[in-house]
Amino acid sequence: MQVSKRFRRAAAGAVVAVACATAGGASAQEKITVGALRFTSHAPTFIAYERGYFKAEGLDVELKFFQAAQPVAVAIASGDIDFGVTALTGGFFNLADKGALKIVGGLFAEQKGYKGMAIMASNKAYAAGLNKPAKLKGHSVALTQVGSSFHYMTGMIAAKYGFGMSDVSLKPLQKVGSMIGAVKSGQVDAMMMVPHVAIPLDRAKAAKIIGWMSDLGDYQVTTIFTSTRNTTDRQVQVKRFLRAYKKGIADYRAVMLNQKKDPAATEAMVKLIHKYVYTDRPYEKAAPGIKAGAVYMNEGAALNVGDVKRQLEWFKAQGLVKSAIGYQDLIATGYADMINVPK
């Protein structure tokens, strides 16, 4: 791993500052609100909440759920929530440029050998020949919003297979549920989808998995972020939050990335996750999708800085971020390991 001198100095200074701030110890329970989506990729949030890791750090957490990633960034910038765990978006980068947001860690990442985001085709499009990602050119793709992570993933596929964004028809539908409905009905040809949704859809023959984003290379799918003010004025709180969150990640990795090792522990964790994911389904029907949807989580909330830089550059190239903001401006160091840092 290569680390720039500038980034090393910043990280070292941040660690010292946070360590000094933490020395004061936890005070009475502080109320904070955490934004999340009802995805298995947000499981460490639910684990840390249910197992009392936040409370042990003096944090009284309220969970607030969203239908898409971009509104989470807006909610932090406006002060409606304190921490968010979602994908990076054009909206995030533009709010960060205004000094509102900072990334403090990484979470879900595409890793070879793990089923992360699936690339899906409608049955209608599949029957017409859309049976692999290389054939996405000329087809429609469902998104939540322009500038969303789904938009970025479409760009990754286009770059990999040598066609332009103008060669696909983007269909912003605002909500993940609307994306699923549009592909199931054949109104839209394709979408990228989290595995706990994609695998059951494929098994039910409601749509077809035609590829995996993990085959396209590194991708830091979700990050942990907060307000810039929190990283400057409330370092103790951020440190406590990350310490609790890392315990949730460790629990998840120990069980869900090797489910055969301890079936009883797997069952217990799936039941915990089911309190937040597929809540409209009985456990027996929800469990297979939750198990199949176990994605790779970076150990210790490590952040792939090089991929954050790559994502920012793509959004700039698309005209969705118009400022000269650099990747260093997006990140508050000292809370989690920084990996793949550009020279």
Foldseek 3Di string as FASTA:
>chain_A
DDADPVRVVQQVVLQVVLVVVCVVAADAADEFEEEDELALQCLLVLQLVVVVLLVVRRYDYDYDYDQADLVRLVCQLVVVGFKYKFFDWLSNVQSLVVQWKAFAFFWFKQAPPWFWKFKWFAPVLVVVPCQALLPQFQFEEEDQDVRGVFNVLNVLSCVQNPHDPVRYHYDHDNGPVVRLVCRLVVVGTITIGQQLPVVVCCVVVSIHGRGGSSVSDIARGITMMGTSCCSPPVSNSLLSVLVSSLVSRVLLCVDLVCPVVDVVSNVVSLVSSCVRHPVVDPSVVSSVSSSSRRGDTDHSREDALVNLQVSVVVCCVVVSHPDPDGSVSRHNHNRGHYPNHDD
